[in-house]
Amino acid sequence: MARLHAAAFEGAARWSVDGFQDILHDPLVFVAATTCGFVVGRAVADEAELLTIVVDGPGRGRGVGRGLVDDFAAEARRRGASQAFLEVAEDNSAARALYDSTGWHVAGRRPGYYGGIDALILRRAL
């Protein structure tokens, strides 16, 4: 997972092996995966957070990301969440297109969150 994540993200946005090990020990965290990608989420009470999603090169543009978002939503609902949120870099056009196509909307902004680039806070009903 860390290898795929490192290939997809730059700098501080990359999660280390230790970072993955730490977060995956949290019983509130869940993962959905395919052969070319994964999504990590966390559900607390009636809300879920999409923590990260990665689709490897061969899976891009083939519906893998949409499937992973759907898997995230299904597991979050199963765990009792009715709403979800995530943060995405404002300049990450591929991720934003995926989120737009799967029902997410902008609910807020964190100025300069990603090394000078704003983070958009997106929400959607589950």
Protein backbone atom coordinates (compact mmCIF):
# COMPACT_ATOMS: atom_id res chain seq x y z
CA MET A 1 0.00 0.00 0.00
CA ALA A 2 2.79 2.41 0.91
CA ARG A 3 4.50 1.74 -2.44
CA LEU A 4 1.36 2.55 -4.43
CA HIS A 5 0.73 5.60 -2.27
CA ALA A 6 4.29 6.88 -2.75
CA ALA A 7 3.95 6.51 -6.52
CA ALA A 8 0.70 8.49 -6.53
CA PHE A 9 1.57 11.33 -4.14
CA GLU A 10 4.49 13.71 -3.66
CA GLY A 11 6.35 14.88 -0.58
CA ALA A 12 4.50 15.14 2.71
CA ALA A 13 1.28 13.80 1.16
CA ARG A 14 2.87 10.33 0.94
CA TRP A 15 2.08 7.89 3.72
CA SER A 16 5.00 5.82 5.00
CA VAL A 17 4.93 2.12 5.83
CA ASP A 18 4.87 3.08 9.52
CA GLY A 19 2.04 5.52 8.86
CA PHE A 20 -0.03 2.78 7.23
CA GLN A 21 0.73 0.34 10.04
CA ASP A 22 -0.33 2.89 12.65
CA ILE A 23 -3.60 3.84 11.01
CA LEU A 24 -4.58 0.29 10.07
CA HIS A 25 -4.46 -0.73 13.74
CA ASP A 26 -7.34 1.67 14.45
CA PRO A 27 -10.55 -0.43 14.68
CA LEU A 28 -12.53 2.47 13.19
CA VAL A 29 -10.45 2.35 9.98
CA PHE A 30 -11.37 0.19 7.00
CA VAL A 31 -9.87 -0.58 3.60
CA ALA A 32 -11.32 -1.62 0.27
CA ALA A 33 -8.87 -2.79 -2.37
CA THR A 34 -8.54 -4.09 -5.91
CA THR A 35 -5.50 -5.33 -7.78
CA CYS A 36 -4.69 -1.77 -8.89
CA GLY A 37 -5.89 0.46 -6.08
CA PHE A 38 -7.29 0.95 -2.62
CA VAL A 39 -9.28 3.33 -0.46
CA VAL A 40 -8.84 3.89 3.28
CA GLY A 41 -11.70 5.26 5.35
CA ARG A 42 -12.68 5.80 8.96
CA ALA A 43 -16.19 5.75 10.39
CA VAL A 44 -17.05 7.37 13.70
CA ALA A 45 -20.68 7.50 14.86
CA ASP A 46 -22.76 8.76 11.91
CA GLU A 47 -19.88 10.25 9.90
CA ALA A 48 -17.11 8.75 7.76
CA GLU A 49 -13.91 10.22 6.37
CA LEU A 50 -12.33 9.09 3.13
CA LEU A 51 -8.70 9.28 4.25
CA THR A 52 -6.94 8.38 1.01
CA ILE A 53 -7.56 6.71 -2.32
CA VAL A 54 -5.01 5.45 -4.84
CA VAL A 55 -5.49 4.00 -8.30
CA ASP A 56 -2.36 2.69 -10.02
CA GLY A 57 -1.66 3.80 -13.59
CA PRO A 58 -3.25 0.87 -15.47
CA GLY A 59 -6.51 1.31 -13.54
CA ARG A 60 -6.90 5.03 -14.17
CA GLY A 61 -9.76 6.06 -16.40
CA ARG A 62 -11.33 2.60 -16.22
CA GLY A 63 -13.83 3.06 -13.39
CA VAL A 64 -11.58 1.68 -10.64
CA GLY A 65 -11.69 4.92 -8.64
CA ARG A 66 -15.47 5.11 -8.91
CA GLY A 67 -15.72 1.51 -7.71
CA LEU A 68 -13.47 2.23 -4.74
CA VAL A 69 -15.54 5.30 -3.79
CA ASP A 70 -18.67 3.12 -4.00
CA ASP A 71 -16.98 0.47 -1.81
CA PHE A 72 -16.01 3.18 0.71
CA ALA A 73 -19.59 4.45 0.83
CA ALA A 74 -21.05 0.96 1.26
CA GLU A 75 -18.71 0.07 4.13
CA ALA A 76 -19.24 3.46 5.80
CA ARG A 77 -23.02 2.94 5.65
CA ARG A 78 -22.62 -0.59 7.02
CA ARG A 79 -20.76 0.96 9.96
CA GLY A 80 -23.60 3.42 10.62
CA ALA A 81 -22.41 6.56 8.81
CA SER A 82 -24.93 8.70 6.96
CA GLN A 83 -22.54 11.47 5.86
CA ALA A 84 -18.95 11.49 4.62
CA PHE A 85 -16.21 14.03 4.12
CA LEU A 86 -12.72 14.23 2.67
CA GLU A 87 -10.00 16.75 1.91
CA VAL A 88 -8.47 17.15 -1.55
CA ALA A 89 -5.86 19.53 -2.92
CA GLU A 90 -7.55 22.21 -4.98
CA ASP A 91 -5.18 21.54 -7.89
CA ASN A 92 -5.76 17.74 -7.97
CA SER A 93 -8.00 17.81 -11.03
CA ALA A 94 -8.19 14.03 -11.49
CA ALA A 95 -9.37 13.44 -7.91
CA ARG A 96 -11.78 16.37 -8.08
CA ALA A 97 -13.33 15.00 -11.28
CA LEU A 98 -13.79 11.61 -9.58
CA TYR A 99 -15.39 13.20 -6.53
CA ASP A 100 -17.64 15.46 -8.63
CA SER A 101 -18.86 12.41 -10.55
CA THR A 102 -19.62 10.49 -7.34
CA GLY A 103 -21.75 13.10 -5.60
CA TRP A 104 -19.31 15.06 -3.44
CA HIS A 105 -19.70 18.85 -3.05
CA VAL A 106 -17.42 21.57 -1.69
CA ALA A 107 -18.29 22.38 1.92
CA GLY A 108 -15.21 24.34 2.98
CA ARG A 109 -11.58 25.25 2.38
CA ARG A 110 -8.32 25.03 4.33
CA PRO A 111 -6.03 27.77 2.96
CA GLY A 112 -2.46 26.63 2.26
CA TYR A 113 -3.04 23.17 3.76
CA TYR A 114 -0.96 21.31 1.16
CA GLY A 115 2.27 23.32 1.11
CA GLY A 116 0.65 26.52 -0.10
CA ILE A 117 -2.17 24.83 -2.00
CA ASP A 118 -5.64 25.04 -0.51
CA ALA A 119 -7.44 21.90 0.59
CA LEU A 120 -11.08 21.66 -0.35
CA ILE A 121 -13.33 19.94 2.16
CA LEU A 122 -15.88 17.86 0.31
CA ARG A 123 -19.01 16.25 1.74
CA ARG A 124 -21.70 13.88 0.55
CA ALA A 125 -24.63 11.97 1.91
CA LEU A 126 -24.28 8.22 2.10
